[in-house]
Amino acid sequence: MEYTDVTPDEFVAHEGVGDWRVVEGPAIAAVFRAPTYLAGAELVGAIAVIAETAQHHPDMEIRYPGRVHVTLTTHATGGLTTLDVDAARQISAAAAAAGATAEPIDS
């Protein structure tokens, strides 16, 4: 699997990552609000499929009433890479397809 390092400034400059914020680590994080708790659980399942396919696994947490918290970093480098950019885009697309909307988080 090939990837290159990405600085936090480079990450935010990419298209399709507007749902995400750079957080300590460095890592990226997003919160998606699904219409129901069950829809949030289904979104977690969709993200798990994306992660397995890419062999790039986020930390995820689902909270009532349907908020899905996702954090990504490339553990092998201890920072951000193009793997995170690609995964963020795919996760945001899956969230939109599931009817989930991104919620603002503090960076």
C-alpha atoms as a PDB file:
ATOM      1  CA  MET A   1       0.000   0.000   0.000  1.00  0.00           C
ATOM      2  CA  GLU A   2       1.570   3.264  -1.126  1.00  0.00           C
ATOM      3  CA  TYR A   3       0.971   6.581   0.551  1.00  0.00           C
ATOM      4  CA  THR A   4       2.725   9.857   1.240  1.00  0.00           C
ATOM      5  CA  ASP A   5       2.806  12.089   4.301  1.00  0.00           C
ATOM      6  CA  VAL A   6       0.397  15.024   4.419  1.00  0.00           C
ATOM      7  CA  THR A   7       0.744  18.037   6.696  1.00  0.00           C
ATOM      8  CA  PRO A   8      -2.359  19.375   8.456  1.00  0.00           C
ATOM      9  CA  ASP A   9      -2.359  22.392   6.102  1.00  0.00           C
ATOM     10  CA  GLU A  10      -2.113  20.121   3.059  1.00  0.00           C
ATOM     11  CA  PHE A  11      -4.958  17.975   4.391  1.00  0.00           C
ATOM     12  CA  VAL A  12      -7.410  20.855   4.735  1.00  0.00           C
ATOM     13  CA  ALA A  13      -6.497  22.077   1.238  1.00  0.00           C
ATOM     14  CA  HIS A  14      -7.783  18.841  -0.350  1.00  0.00           C
ATOM     15  CA  GLU A  15     -11.242  18.789  -1.927  1.00  0.00           C
ATOM     16  CA  GLY A  16     -13.915  16.624  -0.370  1.00  0.00           C
ATOM     17  CA  VAL A  17     -12.663  16.768   3.230  1.00  0.00           C
ATOM     18  CA  GLY A  18     -14.778  19.653   4.521  1.00  0.00           C
ATOM     19  CA  ASP A  19     -16.514  17.432   7.092  1.00  0.00           C
ATOM     20  CA  TRP A  20     -13.183  16.757   8.819  1.00  0.00           C
ATOM     21  CA  ARG A  21     -11.029  18.684  11.291  1.00  0.00           C
ATOM     22  CA  VAL A  22      -7.382  18.199  12.168  1.00  0.00           C
ATOM     23  CA  VAL A  23      -7.004  17.252  15.836  1.00  0.00           C
ATOM     24  CA  GLU A  24      -4.104  16.332  18.090  1.00  0.00           C
ATOM     25  CA  GLY A  25      -1.947  13.477  16.968  1.00  0.00           C
ATOM     26  CA  PRO A  26      -2.029  14.737  14.311  1.00  0.00           C
ATOM     27  CA  ALA A  27      -5.211  13.017  13.306  1.00  0.00           C
ATOM     28  CA  ILE A  28      -8.482  13.984  11.654  1.00  0.00           C
ATOM     29  CA  ALA A  29     -11.938  13.698  13.153  1.00  0.00           C
ATOM     30  CA  ALA A  30     -15.535  14.077  12.049  1.00  0.00           C
ATOM     31  CA  VAL A  31     -18.947  13.665  13.644  1.00  0.00           C
ATOM     32  CA  PHE A  32     -21.896  12.558  11.540  1.00  0.00           C
ATOM     33  CA  ARG A  33     -25.484  12.735  12.760  1.00  0.00           C
ATOM     34  CA  ALA A  34     -27.586   9.918  11.377  1.00  0.00           C
ATOM     35  CA  PRO A  35     -31.401  10.127  11.368  1.00  0.00           C
ATOM     36  CA  THR A  36     -31.693   7.369  14.010  1.00  0.00           C
ATOM     37  CA  TYR A  37     -29.486   5.285  16.263  1.00  0.00           C
ATOM     38  CA  LEU A  38     -29.989   2.288  13.972  1.00  0.00           C
ATOM     39  CA  ALA A  39     -28.974   4.381  10.937  1.00  0.00           C
ATOM     40  CA  GLY A  40     -25.851   5.399  12.855  1.00  0.00           C
ATOM     41  CA  ALA A  41     -25.040   1.751  13.506  1.00  0.00           C
ATOM     42  CA  GLU A  42     -25.518   0.996   9.807  1.00  0.00           C
ATOM     43  CA  LEU A  43     -23.145   3.862   8.969  1.00  0.00           C
ATOM     44  CA  VAL A  44     -20.551   2.354  11.315  1.00  0.00           C
ATOM     45  CA  GLY A  45     -20.935  -0.913   9.372  1.00  0.00           C
ATOM     46  CA  ALA A  46     -20.461   0.896   6.046  1.00  0.00           C
ATOM     47  CA  ILE A  47     -17.348   2.624   7.391  1.00  0.00           C
ATOM     48  CA  ALA A  48     -16.008  -0.755   8.558  1.00  0.00           C
ATOM     49  CA  VAL A  49     -16.337  -2.103   5.005  1.00  0.00           C
ATOM     50  CA  ILE A  50     -14.476   0.934   3.638  1.00  0.00           C
ATOM     51  CA  ALA A  51     -11.763   0.426   6.275  1.00  0.00           C
ATOM     52  CA  GLU A  52     -11.321  -3.269   5.565  1.00  0.00           C
ATOM     53  CA  THR A  53     -11.130  -2.689   1.830  1.00  0.00           C
ATOM     54  CA  ALA A  54      -8.456  -0.015   2.275  1.00  0.00           C
ATOM     55  CA  GLN A  55      -6.741  -1.786   5.201  1.00  0.00           C
ATOM     56  CA  HIS A  56      -6.882   1.586   6.981  1.00  0.00           C
ATOM     57  CA  HIS A  57      -8.954   1.481  10.151  1.00  0.00           C
ATOM     58  CA  PRO A  58     -10.425   4.469  12.013  1.00  0.00           C
ATOM     59  CA  ASP A  59     -11.464   4.681  15.619  1.00  0.00           C
ATOM     60  CA  MET A  60     -15.255   4.933  15.762  1.00  0.00           C
ATOM     61  CA  GLU A  61     -17.857   5.529  18.406  1.00  0.00           C
ATOM     62  CA  ILE A  62     -21.621   5.716  18.127  1.00  0.00           C
ATOM     63  CA  ARG A  63     -23.554   7.852  20.602  1.00  0.00           C
ATOM     64  CA  TYR A  64     -27.255   8.279  21.125  1.00  0.00           C
ATOM     65  CA  PRO A  65     -29.313   9.465  19.280  1.00  0.00           C
ATOM     66  CA  GLY A  66     -27.268   8.550  16.182  1.00  0.00           C
ATOM     67  CA  ARG A  67     -23.999  10.471  16.271  1.00  0.00           C
ATOM     68  CA  VAL A  68     -21.026   8.660  14.796  1.00  0.00           C
ATOM     69  CA  HIS A  69     -17.607   9.966  15.864  1.00  0.00           C
ATOM     70  CA  VAL A  70     -14.740   8.960  13.573  1.00  0.00           C
ATOM     71  CA  THR A  71     -11.017   9.577  14.041  1.00  0.00           C
ATOM     72  CA  LEU A  72      -8.348   8.722  11.483  1.00  0.00           C
ATOM     73  CA  THR A  73      -4.557   8.728  11.504  1.00  0.00           C
ATOM     74  CA  THR A  74      -1.923   6.614   9.815  1.00  0.00           C
ATOM     75  CA  HIS A  75      -0.533   4.685  12.770  1.00  0.00           C
ATOM     76  CA  ALA A  76       2.526   3.517  10.824  1.00  0.00           C
ATOM     77  CA  THR A  77       3.728   7.106  10.432  1.00  0.00           C
ATOM     78  CA  GLY A  78       2.229   8.673  13.529  1.00  0.00           C
ATOM     79  CA  GLY A  79       0.541  11.328  11.426  1.00  0.00           C
ATOM     80  CA  LEU A  80      -1.523  12.115   8.378  1.00  0.00           C
ATOM     81  CA  THR A  81      -1.045  10.601   4.939  1.00  0.00           C
ATOM     82  CA  THR A  82      -2.855  10.298   1.650  1.00  0.00           C
ATOM     83  CA  LEU A  83      -4.560   7.200   3.126  1.00  0.00           C
ATOM     84  CA  ASP A  84      -6.375   9.526   5.515  1.00  0.00           C
ATOM     85  CA  VAL A  85      -7.408  11.866   2.703  1.00  0.00           C
ATOM     86  CA  ASP A  86      -8.841   8.995   0.664  1.00  0.00           C
ATOM     87  CA  ALA A  87     -10.601   7.408   3.649  1.00  0.00           C
ATOM     88  CA  ALA A  88     -12.079  10.742   4.754  1.00  0.00           C
ATOM     89  CA  ARG A  89     -13.577  11.297   1.316  1.00  0.00           C
ATOM     90  CA  GLN A  90     -15.058   7.797   1.191  1.00  0.00           C
ATOM     91  CA  ILE A  91     -16.460   8.018   4.721  1.00  0.00           C
ATOM     92  CA  SER A  92     -18.047  11.405   4.016  1.00  0.00           C
ATOM     93  CA  ALA A  93     -19.634   9.985   0.860  1.00  0.00           C
ATOM     94  CA  ALA A  94     -20.958   6.971   2.796  1.00  0.00           C
ATOM     95  CA  ALA A  95     -22.379   9.281   5.452  1.00  0.00           C
ATOM     96  CA  ALA A  96     -24.145  11.402   2.849  1.00  0.00           C
ATOM     97  CA  ALA A  97     -25.556   8.283   1.181  1.00  0.00           C
ATOM     98  CA  ALA A  98     -26.858   7.134   4.576  1.00  0.00           C
ATOM     99  CA  GLY A  99     -28.625  10.446   5.147  1.00  0.00           C
ATOM    100  CA  ALA A 100     -26.175  11.508   7.852  1.00  0.00           C
ATOM    101  CA  THR A 101     -24.994  15.089   8.098  1.00  0.00           C
ATOM    102  CA  ALA A 102     -21.676  16.348   9.386  1.00  0.00           C
ATOM    103  CA  GLU A 103     -21.774  18.252  12.653  1.00  0.00           C
ATOM    104  CA  PRO A 104     -19.199  20.891  13.498  1.00  0.00           C
ATOM    105  CA  ILE A 105     -16.517  19.891  15.966  1.00  0.00           C
ATOM    106  CA  ASP A 106     -13.827  21.911  17.639  1.00  0.00           C
ATOM    107  CA  SER A 107     -10.458  21.530  15.967  1.00  0.00           C
END
